[in-house]
Amino acid sequence: QVQLVESGGGLVQAGGSLRLSCAASGRTFGSYCMAWFRQAPGKEREFVSAISWSDARTSYADSVKGRFTISRNNAKNTVYLQMNSLKPEDTAVYYCAAGGAGGSYFPPRRYDYWGQGTQVTVSS
């Protein structure tokens, strides 16, 4: 199986930046998609961004487009989420996810593996 470990969360002021990392270990497939989701207290888990492992196609939620950038390092089996111009509404636990290629990026159910999450808190 695949293990995913997130890091890079923390406390920042509004307007600040953070970079999250997700390191994958175990068996992986070149056709896999990796994604970031987030979940705030009292809210459903929501899609943030995704990247196709093989061709680096990306997708972003409207709420983060233009502020967040997803990228990958194939050699390190790591995906990153650069978060700029952070807002208090970005406060959430951020989860890394991995799943097979094909289909929509958006439904959480399409992802087979999940990390433990990393807390991002943006103060106002």
C-alpha atoms as a PDB file:
ATOM      1  CA  GLN A   1       0.000   0.000   0.000  1.00  0.00           C
ATOM      2  CA  VAL A   2       0.885   3.662  -0.184  1.00  0.00           C
ATOM      3  CA  GLN A   3       1.637   5.789   2.851  1.00  0.00           C
ATOM      4  CA  LEU A   4       1.264   9.551   2.698  1.00  0.00           C
ATOM      5  CA  VAL A   5       2.789  11.950   5.207  1.00  0.00           C
ATOM      6  CA  GLU A   6       1.975  15.650   5.180  1.00  0.00           C
ATOM      7  CA  SER A   7       4.123  18.379   6.646  1.00  0.00           C
ATOM      8  CA  GLY A   8       4.487  22.134   6.534  1.00  0.00           C
ATOM      9  CA  GLY A   9       1.367  23.294   8.310  1.00  0.00           C
ATOM     10  CA  GLY A  10       1.404  25.979  10.937  1.00  0.00           C
ATOM     11  CA  LEU A  11       0.099  29.325  12.085  1.00  0.00           C
ATOM     12  CA  VAL A  12       0.401  32.336   9.813  1.00  0.00           C
ATOM     13  CA  GLN A  13      -1.133  35.774   9.572  1.00  0.00           C
ATOM     14  CA  ALA A  14      -3.547  36.662   6.821  1.00  0.00           C
ATOM     15  CA  GLY A  15      -1.627  37.457   3.671  1.00  0.00           C
ATOM     16  CA  GLY A  16       1.194  35.109   4.565  1.00  0.00           C
ATOM     17  CA  SER A  17       2.421  31.966   2.874  1.00  0.00           C
ATOM     18  CA  LEU A  18       3.017  28.318   3.646  1.00  0.00           C
ATOM     19  CA  ARG A  19       4.236  25.378   1.623  1.00  0.00           C
ATOM     20  CA  LEU A  20       2.795  21.980   2.376  1.00  0.00           C
ATOM     21  CA  SER A  21       4.578  18.771   1.442  1.00  0.00           C
ATOM     22  CA  CYS A  22       3.230  15.268   1.009  1.00  0.00           C
ATOM     23  CA  ALA A  23       5.742  12.446   0.833  1.00  0.00           C
ATOM     24  CA  ALA A  24       4.572   9.125  -0.569  1.00  0.00           C
ATOM     25  CA  SER A  25       6.127   5.781   0.251  1.00  0.00           C
ATOM     26  CA  GLY A  26       5.300   2.190  -0.538  1.00  0.00           C
ATOM     27  CA  ARG A  27       3.975   0.979  -3.854  1.00  0.00           C
ATOM     28  CA  THR A  28       3.071   3.693  -6.295  1.00  0.00           C
ATOM     29  CA  PHE A  29       1.832   3.810  -9.863  1.00  0.00           C
ATOM     30  CA  GLY A  30       2.810   6.209 -12.583  1.00  0.00           C
ATOM     31  CA  SER A  31      -0.837   6.672 -13.468  1.00  0.00           C
ATOM     32  CA  TYR A  32      -1.791   7.909  -9.998  1.00  0.00           C
ATOM     33  CA  CYS A  33      -3.343  11.236  -9.247  1.00  0.00           C
ATOM     34  CA  MET A  34      -2.422  13.129  -6.102  1.00  0.00           C
ATOM     35  CA  ALA A  35      -4.533  15.793  -4.505  1.00  0.00           C
ATOM     36  CA  TRP A  36      -4.996  18.113  -1.582  1.00  0.00           C
ATOM     37  CA  PHE A  37      -8.231  18.372   0.340  1.00  0.00           C
ATOM     38  CA  ARG A  38      -9.085  20.404   3.398  1.00  0.00           C
ATOM     39  CA  GLN A  39     -11.637  20.214   6.146  1.00  0.00           C
ATOM     40  CA  ALA A  40     -12.607  22.995   8.505  1.00  0.00           C
ATOM     41  CA  PRO A  41     -14.589  22.407  11.707  1.00  0.00           C
ATOM     42  CA  GLY A  42     -18.246  21.852  10.934  1.00  0.00           C
ATOM     43  CA  LYS A  43     -17.675  21.670   7.191  1.00  0.00           C
ATOM     44  CA  GLU A  44     -17.381  18.892   4.656  1.00  0.00           C
ATOM     45  CA  ARG A  45     -14.043  17.875   3.282  1.00  0.00           C
ATOM     46  CA  GLU A  46     -13.472  19.930   0.160  1.00  0.00           C
ATOM     47  CA  PHE A  47     -11.272  19.614  -2.864  1.00  0.00           C
ATOM     48  CA  VAL A  48      -8.367  22.056  -3.058  1.00  0.00           C
ATOM     49  CA  SER A  49      -6.056  20.962  -5.860  1.00  0.00           C
ATOM     50  CA  ALA A  50      -4.872  17.906  -7.774  1.00  0.00           C
ATOM     51  CA  ILE A  51      -2.059  16.890 -10.065  1.00  0.00           C
ATOM     52  CA  SER A  52      -1.755  13.951 -12.428  1.00  0.00           C
ATOM     53  CA  TRP A  53       1.459  12.142 -11.619  1.00  0.00           C
ATOM     54  CA  SER A  54       2.356  11.179 -15.154  1.00  0.00           C
ATOM     55  CA  ASP A  55       1.629  14.344 -17.122  1.00  0.00           C
ATOM     56  CA  ALA A  56       1.446  17.027 -14.392  1.00  0.00           C
ATOM     57  CA  ARG A  57      -1.993  18.288 -15.386  1.00  0.00           C
ATOM     58  CA  THR A  58      -3.425  20.328 -12.547  1.00  0.00           C
ATOM     59  CA  SER A  59      -6.769  21.405 -11.204  1.00  0.00           C
ATOM     60  CA  TYR A  60      -7.757  23.953  -8.565  1.00  0.00           C
ATOM     61  CA  ALA A  61     -10.821  24.846  -6.601  1.00  0.00           C
ATOM     62  CA  ASP A  62     -12.168  28.266  -7.498  1.00  0.00           C
ATOM     63  CA  SER A  63     -11.589  29.446  -3.944  1.00  0.00           C
ATOM     64  CA  VAL A  64      -7.812  28.968  -4.203  1.00  0.00           C
ATOM     65  CA  LYS A  65      -7.093  29.495  -7.878  1.00  0.00           C
ATOM     66  CA  GLY A  66      -4.488  32.184  -8.365  1.00  0.00           C
ATOM     67  CA  ARG A  67      -3.234  31.850  -4.798  1.00  0.00           C
ATOM     68  CA  PHE A  68      -2.247  28.189  -4.471  1.00  0.00           C
ATOM     69  CA  THR A  69       0.070  26.178  -6.693  1.00  0.00           C
ATOM     70  CA  ILE A  70       0.428  22.402  -6.728  1.00  0.00           C
ATOM     71  CA  SER A  71       3.620  20.791  -7.963  1.00  0.00           C
ATOM     72  CA  ARG A  72       5.485  17.516  -7.792  1.00  0.00           C
ATOM     73  CA  ASN A  73       8.972  16.094  -7.500  1.00  0.00           C
ATOM     74  CA  ASN A  74       9.052  12.677  -9.117  1.00  0.00           C
ATOM     75  CA  ALA A  75      12.435  11.716  -7.683  1.00  0.00           C
ATOM     76  CA  LYS A  76      11.246  12.371  -4.147  1.00  0.00           C
ATOM     77  CA  ASN A  77       7.718  11.028  -4.661  1.00  0.00           C
ATOM     78  CA  THR A  78       6.517  14.247  -3.145  1.00  0.00           C
ATOM     79  CA  VAL A  79       3.754  16.667  -3.973  1.00  0.00           C
ATOM     80  CA  TYR A  80       3.705  20.258  -2.754  1.00  0.00           C
ATOM     81  CA  LEU A  81       1.087  22.891  -2.210  1.00  0.00           C
ATOM     82  CA  GLN A  82       2.406  26.434  -2.209  1.00  0.00           C
ATOM     83  CA  MET A  83      -0.156  28.643  -0.500  1.00  0.00           C
ATOM     84  CA  ASN A  84       0.138  32.394  -0.902  1.00  0.00           C
ATOM     85  CA  SER A  85      -2.092  35.277   0.147  1.00  0.00           C
ATOM     86  CA  LEU A  86      -3.624  33.135   2.831  1.00  0.00           C
ATOM     87  CA  LYS A  87      -7.002  34.087   4.228  1.00  0.00           C
ATOM     88  CA  PRO A  88      -8.667  33.144   7.520  1.00  0.00           C
ATOM     89  CA  GLU A  89     -11.140  31.034   5.556  1.00  0.00           C
ATOM     90  CA  ASP A  90      -8.226  28.849   4.452  1.00  0.00           C
ATOM     91  CA  THR A  91      -7.942  27.609   8.029  1.00  0.00           C
ATOM     92  CA  ALA A  92      -8.446  23.853   7.995  1.00  0.00           C
ATOM     93  CA  VAL A  93      -6.763  20.513   8.303  1.00  0.00           C
ATOM     94  CA  TYR A  94      -5.160  19.805   4.948  1.00  0.00           C
ATOM     95  CA  TYR A  95      -5.026  16.238   3.709  1.00  0.00           C
ATOM     96  CA  CYS A  96      -2.959  14.677   0.989  1.00  0.00           C
ATOM     97  CA  ALA A  97      -4.636  11.967  -1.079  1.00  0.00           C
ATOM     98  CA  ALA A  98      -3.671   9.554  -3.829  1.00  0.00           C
ATOM     99  CA  GLY A  99      -5.757   7.523  -6.229  1.00  0.00           C
ATOM    100  CA  GLY A 100      -5.856   5.929  -9.647  1.00  0.00           C
ATOM    101  CA  ALA A 101      -5.895   7.928 -12.829  1.00  0.00           C
ATOM    102  CA  GLY A 102      -9.132   8.589 -14.637  1.00  0.00           C
ATOM    103  CA  GLY A 103     -12.378  10.265 -13.736  1.00  0.00           C
ATOM    104  CA  SER A 104     -12.975  13.502 -11.913  1.00  0.00           C
ATOM    105  CA  TYR A 105     -10.444  14.899  -9.467  1.00  0.00           C
ATOM    106  CA  PHE A 106     -13.100  16.188  -7.142  1.00  0.00           C
ATOM    107  CA  PRO A 107     -14.848  13.372  -5.240  1.00  0.00           C
ATOM    108  CA  PRO A 108     -12.973  12.272  -2.108  1.00  0.00           C
ATOM    109  CA  ARG A 109     -14.214   8.726  -2.703  1.00  0.00           C
ATOM    110  CA  ARG A 110     -12.039   8.313  -5.780  1.00  0.00           C
ATOM    111  CA  TYR A 111      -8.888   8.450  -3.655  1.00  0.00           C
ATOM    112  CA  ASP A 112      -7.574   5.246  -2.131  1.00  0.00           C
ATOM    113  CA  TYR A 113      -4.953   6.627   0.227  1.00  0.00           C
ATOM    114  CA  TRP A 114      -4.963   9.513   2.668  1.00  0.00           C
ATOM    115  CA  GLY A 115      -2.473  11.156   4.953  1.00  0.00           C
ATOM    116  CA  GLN A 116      -3.109  12.072   8.561  1.00  0.00           C
ATOM    117  CA  GLY A 117      -3.499  15.753   7.804  1.00  0.00           C
ATOM    118  CA  THR A 118      -1.635  18.887   8.764  1.00  0.00           C
ATOM    119  CA  GLN A 119      -3.203  21.888  10.468  1.00  0.00           C
ATOM    120  CA  VAL A 120      -3.136  25.258   8.756  1.00  0.00           C
ATOM    121  CA  THR A 121      -4.336  28.200  10.810  1.00  0.00           C
ATOM    122  CA  VAL A 122      -4.571  31.686   9.346  1.00  0.00           C
ATOM    123  CA  SER A 123      -5.097  34.435  11.880  1.00  0.00           C
ATOM    124  CA  SER A 124      -6.918  37.670  11.167  1.00  0.00           C
END
